């Protein structure tokens, strides 16, 4: 059965699109087929994967097991056109509109990326309440752009406050995220092309996204 997962936070700049891109890449490495649906009018995720524009609803990418589309195209697709995918990942805009509520209800499971900050907990409560209102399940909250020397104490505060809602995987900050996006490549593919040594600190973010993909795939079956 196809598993539909949304990534959402009503705050922008929390690495949501970055997470979608690299989760899709990590999941497809396990042999699963992934469809990425860009639901934001800016279409950053759609543009990232674009190989050639055509009239098809579902477009190929440079990765055999990853396809992509936009929400506008997706709603026109019959269910039979998406049953070939193991996972469908929805990249939601940082807003709570009627359309976003519709997408959340359609997915049923939502994961929330967030940065660490003094005012983030209150905002996360609003997000999780809205997810519940749409009869969807909170898959989990995960930390992005983590910097140990600045954020270790705050991370513990988040764990104490959020308890089981906070996922084990923490995505570290990496300067190479912007470089990989400029090159139009997921981070692992970028490191491989640049022959970055796997035993270096740079690969920590790749390992983290692999761990996050595993945690989501296990959690989605519960």
N, C-alpha and C. Protein backbone atom coordinates (compact mmCIF):
# COMPACT_ATOMS: atom_id res chain seq x y z
N UNK A 1 0.84 -1.19 0.00
CA UNK A 1 0.00 0.00 0.00
C UNK A 1 0.88 1.25 0.00
N UNK A 2 0.52 2.20 -0.85
CA UNK A 2 1.28 3.45 -0.93
C UNK A 2 1.14 4.25 0.37
N UNK A 3 2.25 4.72 0.89
CA UNK A 3 2.26 5.49 2.13
C UNK A 3 2.44 6.97 1.78
N UNK A 4 1.53 7.80 2.25
CA UNK A 4 1.53 9.23 1.94
C UNK A 4 1.96 10.02 3.17
N UNK A 5 3.02 10.80 3.01
CA UNK A 5 3.63 11.51 4.13
C UNK A 5 3.79 12.99 3.78
N UNK A 6 3.36 13.86 4.68
CA UNK A 6 3.55 15.30 4.48
C UNK A 6 4.63 15.80 5.43
N UNK A 7 5.42 16.76 4.95
CA UNK A 7 6.33 17.51 5.81
C UNK A 7 5.79 18.92 5.90
N UNK A 8 5.55 19.36 7.14
CA UNK A 8 4.90 20.66 7.32
C UNK A 8 5.40 21.37 8.57
N UNK A 9 5.56 22.68 8.44
CA UNK A 9 5.71 23.58 9.57
C UNK A 9 5.22 24.94 9.10
N UNK A 10 4.45 25.63 9.93
CA UNK A 10 3.93 26.92 9.47
C UNK A 10 5.00 28.01 9.48
N UNK A 11 6.19 27.66 9.94
CA UNK A 11 7.33 28.58 9.91
C UNK A 11 8.26 28.17 8.77
N UNK A 12 8.70 29.15 7.99
CA UNK A 12 9.62 28.87 6.90
C UNK A 12 11.06 28.80 7.40
N UNK A 13 11.97 28.37 6.51
CA UNK A 13 13.39 28.34 6.84
C UNK A 13 13.81 27.25 7.78
N UNK A 14 13.03 26.15 7.85
CA UNK A 14 13.36 25.07 8.78
C UNK A 14 13.91 23.84 8.04
N UNK A 15 14.32 24.01 6.80
CA UNK A 15 14.92 22.94 5.98
C UNK A 15 13.91 21.90 5.56
N UNK A 16 12.67 22.32 5.35
CA UNK A 16 11.62 21.38 4.95
C UNK A 16 11.88 20.81 3.56
N UNK A 17 12.10 21.70 2.58
CA UNK A 17 12.36 21.25 1.21
C UNK A 17 13.66 20.47 1.13
N UNK A 18 14.70 20.93 1.83
CA UNK A 18 15.96 20.20 1.89
C UNK A 18 15.73 18.79 2.42
N UNK A 19 14.90 18.67 3.43
CA UNK A 19 14.61 17.37 4.02
C UNK A 19 13.85 16.47 3.06
N UNK A 20 12.87 17.03 2.36
CA UNK A 20 12.12 16.25 1.36
C UNK A 20 13.06 15.68 0.30
N UNK A 21 13.92 16.52 -0.24
CA UNK A 21 14.84 16.10 -1.29
C UNK A 21 15.73 14.95 -0.83
N UNK A 22 16.32 15.12 0.35
CA UNK A 22 17.29 14.13 0.82
C UNK A 22 16.64 12.89 1.42
N UNK A 23 15.41 13.04 1.93
CA UNK A 23 14.66 11.85 2.34
C UNK A 23 14.28 11.01 1.12
N UNK A 24 13.82 11.68 0.07
CA UNK A 24 13.47 10.95 -1.15
C UNK A 24 14.67 10.17 -1.67
N UNK A 25 15.82 10.80 -1.66
CA UNK A 25 17.04 10.15 -2.13
C UNK A 25 17.40 8.95 -1.25
N UNK A 26 17.32 9.13 0.08
CA UNK A 26 17.66 8.04 1.00
C UNK A 26 16.68 6.89 0.89
N UNK A 27 15.39 7.19 0.76
CA UNK A 27 14.38 6.13 0.68
C UNK A 27 14.53 5.34 -0.61
N UNK A 28 14.79 6.03 -1.73
CA UNK A 28 14.91 5.31 -3.01
C UNK A 28 16.12 4.40 -3.04
N UNK A 29 17.12 4.69 -2.23
CA UNK A 29 18.29 3.82 -2.16
C UNK A 29 17.95 2.44 -1.60
N UNK A 30 16.84 2.34 -0.86
CA UNK A 30 16.42 1.05 -0.31
C UNK A 30 15.64 0.23 -1.33
N UNK A 31 15.47 0.78 -2.53
CA UNK A 31 14.73 0.08 -3.58
C UNK A 31 13.27 0.46 -3.66
N UNK A 32 12.84 1.39 -2.81
CA UNK A 32 11.45 1.84 -2.81
C UNK A 32 11.26 2.94 -3.86
N UNK A 33 10.07 2.96 -4.45
CA UNK A 33 9.74 3.99 -5.43
C UNK A 33 9.08 5.17 -4.71
N UNK A 34 9.56 6.38 -5.02
CA UNK A 34 9.12 7.58 -4.32
C UNK A 34 8.58 8.61 -5.31
N UNK A 35 7.45 9.20 -4.95
CA UNK A 35 6.91 10.34 -5.70
C UNK A 35 6.96 11.55 -4.79
N UNK A 36 7.59 12.62 -5.26
CA UNK A 36 7.67 13.88 -4.51
C UNK A 36 6.65 14.85 -5.09
N UNK A 37 5.77 15.37 -4.23
CA UNK A 37 4.74 16.30 -4.66
C UNK A 37 5.01 17.68 -4.04
N UNK A 38 5.33 18.65 -4.88
CA UNK A 38 5.59 20.01 -4.42
C UNK A 38 4.25 20.75 -4.32
N UNK A 39 3.89 21.12 -3.10
CA UNK A 39 2.60 21.78 -2.86
C UNK A 39 2.75 23.28 -2.64
N UNK A 40 3.96 23.80 -2.76
CA UNK A 40 4.23 25.22 -2.56
C UNK A 40 4.19 25.93 -3.92
N UNK A 41 3.57 27.10 -3.95
CA UNK A 41 3.49 27.85 -5.20
C UNK A 41 4.85 28.29 -5.72
N UNK A 42 5.85 28.36 -4.83
CA UNK A 42 7.20 28.72 -5.28
C UNK A 42 7.86 27.60 -6.08
N UNK A 43 7.40 26.38 -5.87
CA UNK A 43 7.85 25.20 -6.62
C UNK A 43 9.37 24.99 -6.57
N UNK A 44 9.98 25.25 -5.42
CA UNK A 44 11.43 25.05 -5.30
C UNK A 44 11.81 23.59 -5.44
N UNK A 45 11.02 22.72 -4.83
CA UNK A 45 11.30 21.28 -4.89
C UNK A 45 11.09 20.77 -6.31
N UNK A 46 10.02 21.21 -6.95
CA UNK A 46 9.72 20.80 -8.33
C UNK A 46 10.85 21.23 -9.27
N UNK A 47 11.32 22.47 -9.11
CA UNK A 47 12.40 22.97 -9.96
C UNK A 47 13.70 22.21 -9.72
N UNK A 48 13.95 21.82 -8.47
CA UNK A 48 15.17 21.09 -8.14
C UNK A 48 15.26 19.78 -8.92
N UNK A 49 14.16 19.05 -8.99
CA UNK A 49 14.17 17.74 -9.64
C UNK A 49 13.95 17.80 -11.14
N UNK A 50 13.61 18.97 -11.65
CA UNK A 50 13.23 19.08 -13.06
C UNK A 50 14.36 18.65 -13.99
N UNK A 51 14.03 17.74 -14.90
CA UNK A 51 14.98 17.33 -15.93
C UNK A 51 14.55 17.85 -17.29
N UNK A 52 13.24 17.87 -17.53
CA UNK A 52 12.69 18.41 -18.79
C UNK A 52 11.21 18.68 -18.60
N UNK A 53 10.75 19.80 -19.08
CA UNK A 53 9.34 20.14 -18.95
C UNK A 53 8.53 19.42 -20.03
N UNK A 54 7.42 18.82 -19.61
CA UNK A 54 6.49 18.23 -20.57
C UNK A 54 5.10 18.24 -19.95
N UNK A 55 4.15 17.71 -20.67
CA UNK A 55 2.75 17.79 -20.23
C UNK A 55 2.34 16.64 -19.30
N UNK A 56 3.25 15.71 -19.05
CA UNK A 56 2.90 14.59 -18.20
C UNK A 56 2.63 15.04 -16.77
N UNK A 57 1.74 14.35 -16.09
CA UNK A 57 1.43 14.69 -14.71
C UNK A 57 2.55 14.28 -13.77
N UNK A 58 3.15 13.12 -14.02
CA UNK A 58 4.25 12.63 -13.21
C UNK A 58 5.52 12.67 -14.05
N UNK A 59 6.53 13.34 -13.54
CA UNK A 59 7.77 13.53 -14.30
C UNK A 59 8.91 12.72 -13.72
N UNK A 60 9.82 12.25 -14.56
CA UNK A 60 10.99 11.52 -14.08
C UNK A 60 12.03 12.47 -13.52
N UNK A 61 12.96 11.92 -12.76
CA UNK A 61 14.11 12.69 -12.28
C UNK A 61 15.37 11.95 -12.73
N UNK A 62 16.51 12.43 -12.29
CA UNK A 62 17.76 11.76 -12.62
C UNK A 62 17.94 10.45 -11.84
N UNK A 63 17.01 10.16 -10.94
CA UNK A 63 17.11 8.98 -10.08
C UNK A 63 15.97 8.02 -10.41
N UNK A 64 16.32 6.80 -10.74
CA UNK A 64 15.36 5.85 -11.30
C UNK A 64 14.12 5.66 -10.43
N UNK A 65 14.30 5.65 -9.12
CA UNK A 65 13.20 5.37 -8.22
C UNK A 65 12.51 6.62 -7.67
N UNK A 66 12.85 7.78 -8.19
CA UNK A 66 12.24 9.03 -7.74
C UNK A 66 11.55 9.72 -8.91
N UNK A 67 10.27 10.04 -8.74
CA UNK A 67 9.52 10.86 -9.70
C UNK A 67 9.00 12.07 -8.96
N UNK A 68 8.49 13.06 -9.70
CA UNK A 68 8.00 14.25 -9.01
C UNK A 68 6.87 14.90 -9.78
N UNK A 69 6.13 15.74 -9.07
CA UNK A 69 5.02 16.48 -9.67
C UNK A 69 4.67 17.64 -8.76
N UNK A 70 3.66 18.40 -9.14
CA UNK A 70 3.13 19.47 -8.29
C UNK A 70 1.77 19.04 -7.76
N UNK A 71 1.27 19.75 -6.75
CA UNK A 71 -0.04 19.42 -6.21
C UNK A 71 -1.13 19.61 -7.27
N UNK A 72 -1.03 20.68 -8.06
CA UNK A 72 -2.03 20.95 -9.09
C UNK A 72 -2.11 19.79 -10.08
N UNK A 73 -0.95 19.23 -10.43
CA UNK A 73 -0.94 18.08 -11.35
C UNK A 73 -1.42 16.82 -10.63
N UNK A 74 -1.02 16.68 -9.38
CA UNK A 74 -1.34 15.48 -8.61
C UNK A 74 -2.86 15.27 -8.47
N UNK A 75 -3.60 16.36 -8.22
CA UNK A 75 -5.04 16.21 -8.00
C UNK A 75 -5.76 15.74 -9.26
N UNK A 76 -5.10 15.85 -10.40
CA UNK A 76 -5.71 15.39 -11.65
C UNK A 76 -5.39 13.94 -11.96
N UNK A 77 -4.54 13.33 -11.15
CA UNK A 77 -4.10 11.96 -11.40
C UNK A 77 -5.07 10.98 -10.75
N UNK A 78 -5.49 9.99 -11.50
CA UNK A 78 -6.32 8.93 -10.92
C UNK A 78 -5.47 8.10 -9.96
N UNK A 79 -6.13 7.49 -8.96
CA UNK A 79 -5.40 6.70 -7.96
C UNK A 79 -4.53 5.63 -8.60
N UNK A 80 -4.99 5.07 -9.71
CA UNK A 80 -4.23 4.00 -10.36
C UNK A 80 -2.86 4.49 -10.85
N UNK A 81 -2.72 5.79 -11.05
CA UNK A 81 -1.45 6.33 -11.53
C UNK A 81 -0.41 6.50 -10.42
N UNK A 82 -0.84 6.38 -9.17
CA UNK A 82 0.10 6.55 -8.06
C UNK A 82 0.33 5.27 -7.27
N UNK A 83 -0.37 4.20 -7.62
CA UNK A 83 -0.25 2.96 -6.86
C UNK A 83 1.11 2.28 -7.06
N UNK A 84 1.84 2.69 -8.07
CA UNK A 84 3.15 2.09 -8.32
C UNK A 84 4.20 2.58 -7.33
N UNK A 85 3.87 3.63 -6.57
CA UNK A 85 4.84 4.22 -5.65
C UNK A 85 4.67 3.64 -4.24
N UNK A 86 5.81 3.41 -3.60
CA UNK A 86 5.78 2.94 -2.20
C UNK A 86 5.54 4.10 -1.25
N UNK A 87 6.13 5.26 -1.58
CA UNK A 87 5.99 6.44 -0.74
C UNK A 87 5.69 7.66 -1.60
N UNK A 88 4.78 8.51 -1.11
CA UNK A 88 4.53 9.80 -1.73
C UNK A 88 4.82 10.86 -0.66
N UNK A 89 5.77 11.73 -0.95
CA UNK A 89 6.19 12.77 -0.02
C UNK A 89 5.64 14.12 -0.48
N UNK A 90 4.93 14.80 0.41
CA UNK A 90 4.31 16.08 0.09
C UNK A 90 5.07 17.21 0.79
N UNK A 91 5.59 18.12 0.00
CA UNK A 91 6.31 19.29 0.52
C UNK A 91 5.32 20.45 0.65
N UNK A 92 4.89 20.74 1.89
CA UNK A 92 3.84 21.74 2.11
C UNK A 92 4.42 23.13 2.33
N UNK A 93 3.69 24.17 1.94
CA UNK A 93 4.16 25.55 2.15
C UNK A 93 4.03 25.94 3.63
N UNK A 94 4.77 26.96 4.07
CA UNK A 94 4.70 27.40 5.47
C UNK A 94 3.49 28.28 5.72
N UNK A 95 2.32 27.69 5.62
CA UNK A 95 1.07 28.42 5.85
C UNK A 95 0.00 27.40 6.18
N UNK A 96 -1.09 27.84 6.84
CA UNK A 96 -2.20 26.94 7.11
C UNK A 96 -3.43 27.46 6.37
N UNK A 97 -3.54 27.07 5.12
CA UNK A 97 -4.67 27.47 4.27
C UNK A 97 -5.64 26.30 4.16
N UNK A 98 -6.78 26.54 3.54
CA UNK A 98 -7.73 25.46 3.32
C UNK A 98 -7.12 24.35 2.48
N UNK A 99 -6.30 24.74 1.50
CA UNK A 99 -5.66 23.74 0.65
C UNK A 99 -4.67 22.89 1.44
N UNK A 100 -3.89 23.53 2.32
CA UNK A 100 -2.94 22.79 3.16
C UNK A 100 -3.69 21.82 4.07
N UNK A 101 -4.79 22.25 4.63
CA UNK A 101 -5.61 21.37 5.46
C UNK A 101 -6.10 20.17 4.65
N UNK A 102 -6.50 20.42 3.42
CA UNK A 102 -6.95 19.35 2.53
C UNK A 102 -5.83 18.33 2.30
N UNK A 103 -4.61 18.82 2.08
CA UNK A 103 -3.48 17.93 1.81
C UNK A 103 -3.14 17.11 3.05
N UNK A 104 -3.19 17.76 4.22
CA UNK A 104 -2.91 17.05 5.47
C UNK A 104 -3.92 15.92 5.67
N UNK A 105 -5.19 16.19 5.41
CA UNK A 105 -6.21 15.15 5.54
C UNK A 105 -5.96 14.03 4.53
N UNK A 106 -5.52 14.40 3.34
CA UNK A 106 -5.25 13.41 2.29
C UNK A 106 -4.11 12.49 2.69
N UNK A 107 -3.08 13.05 3.32
CA UNK A 107 -1.90 12.26 3.69
C UNK A 107 -2.16 11.39 4.92
N UNK A 108 -2.69 12.00 5.94
CA UNK A 108 -2.98 11.25 7.16
C UNK A 108 -1.83 11.20 8.15
N UNK A 109 -0.58 11.35 7.67
CA UNK A 109 0.59 11.34 8.54
C UNK A 109 1.46 12.56 8.21
N UNK A 110 1.85 13.30 9.24
CA UNK A 110 2.63 14.52 9.04
C UNK A 110 3.87 14.50 9.93
N UNK A 111 5.00 14.83 9.33
CA UNK A 111 6.25 15.00 10.08
C UNK A 111 6.61 16.49 10.06
N UNK A 112 7.13 16.96 11.19
CA UNK A 112 7.36 18.40 11.35
C UNK A 112 8.85 18.68 11.58
N UNK A 113 9.53 19.28 10.61
CA UNK A 113 10.91 19.71 10.84
C UNK A 113 10.93 21.03 11.60
N UNK A 114 11.90 21.20 12.47
CA UNK A 114 11.99 22.45 13.23
C UNK A 114 13.44 22.74 13.61
N UNK A 115 13.74 24.01 13.69
CA UNK A 115 15.01 24.43 14.27
C UNK A 115 14.83 24.53 15.78
N UNK A 116 15.94 24.58 16.50
CA UNK A 116 15.89 24.81 17.93
C UNK A 116 15.85 26.31 18.19
N UNK A 117 14.96 26.72 19.07
CA UNK A 117 14.85 28.14 19.40
C UNK A 117 13.95 28.32 20.61
N UNK A 118 14.11 29.43 21.29
CA UNK A 118 13.37 29.68 22.52
C UNK A 118 11.87 29.75 22.30
N UNK A 119 11.44 30.18 21.11
CA UNK A 119 10.02 30.38 20.87
C UNK A 119 9.40 29.29 20.00
N UNK A 120 10.18 28.24 19.70
CA UNK A 120 9.70 27.22 18.78
C UNK A 120 8.65 26.29 19.40
N UNK A 121 8.78 26.00 20.70
CA UNK A 121 7.87 25.06 21.35
C UNK A 121 6.42 25.52 21.22
N UNK A 122 6.18 26.80 21.48
CA UNK A 122 4.82 27.33 21.39
C UNK A 122 4.28 27.18 19.97
N UNK A 123 5.11 27.49 19.00
CA UNK A 123 4.69 27.34 17.60
C UNK A 123 4.41 25.89 17.24
N UNK A 124 5.22 24.97 17.77
CA UNK A 124 5.02 23.55 17.48
C UNK A 124 3.69 23.05 18.05
N UNK A 125 3.30 23.57 19.19
CA UNK A 125 2.02 23.18 19.78
C UNK A 125 0.87 23.54 18.85
N UNK A 126 0.95 24.73 18.26
CA UNK A 126 -0.10 25.16 17.33
C UNK A 126 -0.15 24.24 16.11
N UNK A 127 1.03 23.85 15.62
CA UNK A 127 1.10 22.97 14.45
C UNK A 127 0.49 21.61 14.77
N UNK A 128 0.87 21.02 15.90
CA UNK A 128 0.38 19.69 16.23
C UNK A 128 -1.13 19.69 16.51
N UNK A 129 -1.63 20.76 17.10
CA UNK A 129 -3.07 20.87 17.34
C UNK A 129 -3.82 20.91 16.01
N UNK A 130 -3.28 21.67 15.05
CA UNK A 130 -3.94 21.78 13.75
C UNK A 130 -3.91 20.45 13.00
N UNK A 131 -2.82 19.71 13.12
CA UNK A 131 -2.73 18.39 12.50
C UNK A 131 -3.82 17.48 13.05
N UNK A 132 -3.99 17.49 14.37
CA UNK A 132 -5.02 16.67 15.00
C UNK A 132 -6.42 17.09 14.56
N UNK A 133 -6.63 18.38 14.37
CA UNK A 133 -7.93 18.88 13.92
C UNK A 133 -8.31 18.33 12.55
N UNK A 134 -7.31 18.04 11.75
CA UNK A 134 -7.56 17.51 10.41
C UNK A 134 -7.62 15.98 10.40
N UNK A 135 -7.73 15.41 11.59
CA UNK A 135 -7.81 13.95 11.74
C UNK A 135 -6.60 13.24 11.14
N UNK A 136 -5.46 13.91 11.23
CA UNK A 136 -4.21 13.31 10.76
C UNK A 136 -3.35 12.93 11.97
N UNK A 137 -2.37 12.10 11.72
CA UNK A 137 -1.48 11.64 12.79
C UNK A 137 -0.14 12.36 12.71
N UNK A 138 0.36 12.81 13.85
CA UNK A 138 1.70 13.37 13.91
C UNK A 138 2.70 12.22 13.92
N UNK A 139 3.46 12.09 12.82
CA UNK A 139 4.46 11.03 12.77
C UNK A 139 5.61 11.32 13.71
N UNK A 140 5.96 12.60 13.83
CA UNK A 140 7.05 12.99 14.71
C UNK A 140 7.57 14.37 14.34
N UNK A 141 8.34 14.94 15.25
CA UNK A 141 9.01 16.22 15.05
C UNK A 141 10.50 15.95 15.02
N UNK A 142 11.21 16.52 14.05
CA UNK A 142 12.65 16.30 14.00
C UNK A 142 13.40 17.63 13.89
N UNK A 143 14.57 17.65 14.51
CA UNK A 143 15.41 18.85 14.58
C UNK A 143 16.28 18.95 13.34
N UNK A 144 16.36 20.15 12.76
CA UNK A 144 17.25 20.40 11.63
C UNK A 144 18.27 21.48 12.00
N UNK A 145 19.33 21.54 11.23
CA UNK A 145 20.38 22.57 11.38
C UNK A 145 20.94 22.64 12.79
N UNK A 146 21.16 21.47 13.37
CA UNK A 146 21.65 21.37 14.75
C UNK A 146 23.16 21.66 14.81
N UNK A 147 23.55 22.50 15.76
CA UNK A 147 24.96 22.80 16.01
C UNK A 147 25.25 22.48 17.47
N UNK A 148 26.00 21.42 17.70
CA UNK A 148 26.20 20.89 19.04
C UNK A 148 26.74 21.92 20.01
N UNK A 149 27.68 22.73 19.56
CA UNK A 149 28.32 23.67 20.49
C UNK A 149 27.37 24.78 20.94
N UNK A 150 26.30 25.00 20.18
CA UNK A 150 25.32 26.02 20.55
C UNK A 150 24.02 25.44 21.10
N UNK A 151 23.66 24.24 20.64
CA UNK A 151 22.29 23.76 20.80
C UNK A 151 22.10 22.57 21.74
N UNK A 152 23.18 22.05 22.32
CA UNK A 152 23.06 20.82 23.11
C UNK A 152 22.08 20.98 24.27
N UNK A 153 22.17 22.06 25.00
CA UNK A 153 21.30 22.28 26.16
C UNK A 153 19.85 22.47 25.71
N UNK A 154 19.68 23.22 24.63
CA UNK A 154 18.34 23.47 24.12
C UNK A 154 17.70 22.19 23.59
N UNK A 155 18.51 21.33 22.98
CA UNK A 155 18.00 20.05 22.49
C UNK A 155 17.42 19.23 23.64
N UNK A 156 18.10 19.23 24.78
CA UNK A 156 17.61 18.49 25.93
C UNK A 156 16.29 19.08 26.44
N UNK A 157 16.17 20.40 26.39
CA UNK A 157 14.92 21.05 26.78
C UNK A 157 13.78 20.61 25.87
N UNK A 158 14.07 20.53 24.57
CA UNK A 158 13.06 20.07 23.61
C UNK A 158 12.65 18.63 23.90
N UNK A 159 13.64 17.78 24.21
CA UNK A 159 13.32 16.38 24.49
C UNK A 159 12.44 16.26 25.74
N UNK A 160 12.74 17.09 26.75
CA UNK A 160 11.96 17.06 27.97
C UNK A 160 10.52 17.53 27.71
N UNK A 161 10.39 18.53 26.85
CA UNK A 161 9.06 19.12 26.59
C UNK A 161 8.23 18.27 25.64
N UNK A 162 8.88 17.73 24.61
CA UNK A 162 8.13 17.02 23.56
C UNK A 162 8.04 15.52 23.77
N UNK A 163 8.92 14.99 24.60
CA UNK A 163 8.90 13.57 24.93
C UNK A 163 8.93 12.71 23.66
N UNK A 164 8.00 11.78 23.54
CA UNK A 164 8.02 10.82 22.43
C UNK A 164 7.73 11.45 21.09
N UNK A 165 7.17 12.67 21.09
CA UNK A 165 6.87 13.33 19.82
C UNK A 165 8.14 13.75 19.09
N UNK A 166 9.25 13.93 19.82
CA UNK A 166 10.52 14.31 19.20
C UNK A 166 11.26 13.07 18.74
N UNK A 167 11.59 13.02 17.47
CA UNK A 167 12.26 11.85 16.90
C UNK A 167 13.71 11.77 17.37
N UNK A 168 14.28 10.59 17.30
CA UNK A 168 15.66 10.38 17.76
C UNK A 168 16.67 11.04 16.82
N UNK A 169 16.40 11.00 15.53
CA UNK A 169 17.34 11.56 14.55
C UNK A 169 17.39 13.08 14.64
N UNK A 170 18.61 13.60 14.61
CA UNK A 170 18.84 15.05 14.60
C UNK A 170 19.67 15.37 13.35
N UNK A 171 19.19 16.31 12.55
CA UNK A 171 19.91 16.68 11.33
C UNK A 171 20.89 17.81 11.63
N UNK A 172 22.19 17.58 11.45
CA UNK A 172 23.17 18.63 11.77
C UNK A 172 23.21 19.73 10.72
N UNK A 173 23.69 20.88 11.14
CA UNK A 173 23.91 21.99 10.20
C UNK A 173 25.06 21.61 9.26
N UNK A 174 24.94 22.00 8.01
CA UNK A 174 26.02 21.76 7.04
C UNK A 174 26.08 22.91 6.04
N UNK A 175 27.25 23.45 5.85
CA UNK A 175 27.43 24.53 4.88
C UNK A 175 27.26 24.04 3.44
N UNK A 176 27.41 22.75 3.26
CA UNK A 176 27.37 22.21 1.90
C UNK A 176 25.95 22.02 1.37
N UNK A 177 24.94 22.24 2.21
CA UNK A 177 23.56 22.11 1.73
C UNK A 177 23.31 23.06 0.57
N UNK A 178 23.70 24.31 0.75
CA UNK A 178 23.48 25.31 -0.30
C UNK A 178 24.27 24.95 -1.56
N UNK A 179 25.48 24.46 -1.38
CA UNK A 179 26.31 24.08 -2.53
C UNK A 179 25.66 22.94 -3.32
N UNK A 180 25.13 21.95 -2.61
CA UNK A 180 24.51 20.82 -3.27
C UNK A 180 23.25 21.24 -4.01
N UNK A 181 22.49 22.14 -3.42
CA UNK A 181 21.26 22.62 -4.07
C UNK A 181 21.59 23.44 -5.32
N UNK A 182 22.65 24.23 -5.22
CA UNK A 182 23.07 25.01 -6.39
C UNK A 182 23.49 24.08 -7.53
N UNK A 183 24.08 22.94 -7.15
CA UNK A 183 24.50 21.95 -8.15
C UNK A 183 23.33 21.09 -8.62
N UNK A 184 22.16 21.23 -7.97
CA UNK A 184 20.99 20.44 -8.36
C UNK A 184 21.10 18.99 -7.96
N UNK A 185 21.77 18.72 -6.83
CA UNK A 185 21.99 17.34 -6.40
C UNK A 185 21.62 17.16 -4.93
N UNK A 186 21.04 16.01 -4.57
CA UNK A 186 20.94 15.67 -3.15
C UNK A 186 22.33 15.66 -2.54
N UNK A 187 22.41 15.83 -1.24
CA UNK A 187 23.73 16.01 -0.61
C UNK A 187 24.65 14.82 -0.85
N UNK A 188 24.14 13.60 -0.71
CA UNK A 188 24.99 12.43 -0.92
C UNK A 188 25.50 12.36 -2.35
N UNK A 189 24.63 12.62 -3.31
CA UNK A 189 25.06 12.60 -4.71
C UNK A 189 26.11 13.68 -4.97
N UNK A 190 25.95 14.81 -4.33
CA UNK A 190 26.93 15.91 -4.48
C UNK A 190 28.28 15.51 -3.91
N UNK A 191 28.27 14.92 -2.71
CA UNK A 191 29.53 14.49 -2.09
C UNK A 191 30.21 13.41 -2.93
N UNK A 192 29.40 12.51 -3.48
CA UNK A 192 29.97 11.45 -4.32
C UNK A 192 30.61 12.03 -5.57
N UNK A 193 29.93 12.99 -6.19
CA UNK A 193 30.48 13.61 -7.40
C UNK A 193 31.77 14.36 -7.08
N UNK A 194 31.81 15.02 -5.92
CA UNK A 194 32.98 15.80 -5.51
C UNK A 194 34.05 14.94 -4.83
N UNK A 195 33.75 13.65 -4.67
CA UNK A 195 34.69 12.70 -4.04
C UNK A 195 35.09 13.14 -2.64
N UNK A 196 34.10 13.60 -1.88
CA UNK A 196 34.33 13.98 -0.48
C UNK A 196 34.54 12.71 0.33
N UNK A 197 35.62 12.59 1.11
CA UNK A 197 35.88 11.36 1.88
C UNK A 197 34.73 11.01 2.82
N UNK A 198 34.34 9.74 2.80
CA UNK A 198 33.21 9.31 3.62
C UNK A 198 33.51 9.32 5.11
N UNK A 199 34.76 9.30 5.48
CA UNK A 199 35.09 9.28 6.91
C UNK A 199 35.20 10.68 7.50
N UNK A 200 34.87 11.70 6.73
CA UNK A 200 34.95 13.07 7.23
C UNK A 200 33.65 13.52 7.88
N UNK A 201 33.72 14.67 8.57
CA UNK A 201 32.54 15.21 9.25
C UNK A 201 31.44 15.62 8.28
N UNK A 202 31.81 15.92 7.04
CA UNK A 202 30.83 16.37 6.07
C UNK A 202 29.71 15.36 5.88
N UNK A 203 30.03 14.08 5.99
CA UNK A 203 29.05 13.03 5.72
C UNK A 203 28.06 12.84 6.86
N UNK A 204 28.24 13.55 7.97
CA UNK A 204 27.31 13.38 9.10
C UNK A 204 25.88 13.71 8.69
N UNK A 205 25.69 14.72 7.86
CA UNK A 205 24.34 15.09 7.46
C UNK A 205 23.72 14.03 6.56
N UNK A 206 24.54 13.39 5.72
CA UNK A 206 24.05 12.30 4.88
C UNK A 206 23.61 11.13 5.75
N UNK A 207 24.45 10.77 6.70
CA UNK A 207 24.11 9.68 7.61
C UNK A 207 22.84 9.99 8.39
N UNK A 208 22.69 11.26 8.78
CA UNK A 208 21.51 11.66 9.55
C UNK A 208 20.24 11.52 8.72
N UNK A 209 20.29 11.91 7.44
CA UNK A 209 19.10 11.76 6.61
C UNK A 209 18.78 10.30 6.34
N UNK A 210 19.80 9.46 6.25
CA UNK A 210 19.55 8.02 6.12
C UNK A 210 18.86 7.48 7.37
N UNK A 211 19.33 7.93 8.54
CA UNK A 211 18.72 7.50 9.81
C UNK A 211 17.29 8.01 9.91
N UNK A 212 17.06 9.24 9.46
CA UNK A 212 15.71 9.79 9.49
C UNK A 212 14.78 9.01 8.57
N UNK A 213 15.27 8.66 7.39
CA UNK A 213 14.47 7.87 6.45
C UNK A 213 14.09 6.52 7.07
N UNK A 214 15.06 5.89 7.73
CA UNK A 214 14.79 4.61 8.40
C UNK A 214 13.77 4.77 9.50
N UNK A 215 13.92 5.84 10.29
CA UNK A 215 13.01 6.08 11.41
C UNK A 215 11.58 6.33 10.89
N UNK A 216 11.47 7.06 9.80
CA UNK A 216 10.14 7.33 9.23
C UNK A 216 9.54 6.06 8.64
N UNK A 217 10.34 5.28 7.90
CA UNK A 217 9.81 4.06 7.29
C UNK A 217 9.36 3.06 8.34
N UNK A 218 10.06 3.00 9.45
CA UNK A 218 9.64 2.11 10.54
C UNK A 218 8.39 2.65 11.22
N UNK A 219 8.37 3.97 11.45
CA UNK A 219 7.25 4.58 12.15
C UNK A 219 5.96 4.57 11.37
N UNK A 220 6.06 4.64 10.06
CA UNK A 220 4.87 4.73 9.23
C UNK A 220 4.12 3.40 9.17
N UNK A 221 4.79 2.32 9.54
CA UNK A 221 4.15 1.01 9.51
C UNK A 221 3.48 0.66 10.83
N UNK A 222 3.72 1.48 11.87
CA UNK A 222 3.13 1.21 13.19
C UNK A 222 1.64 1.50 13.18
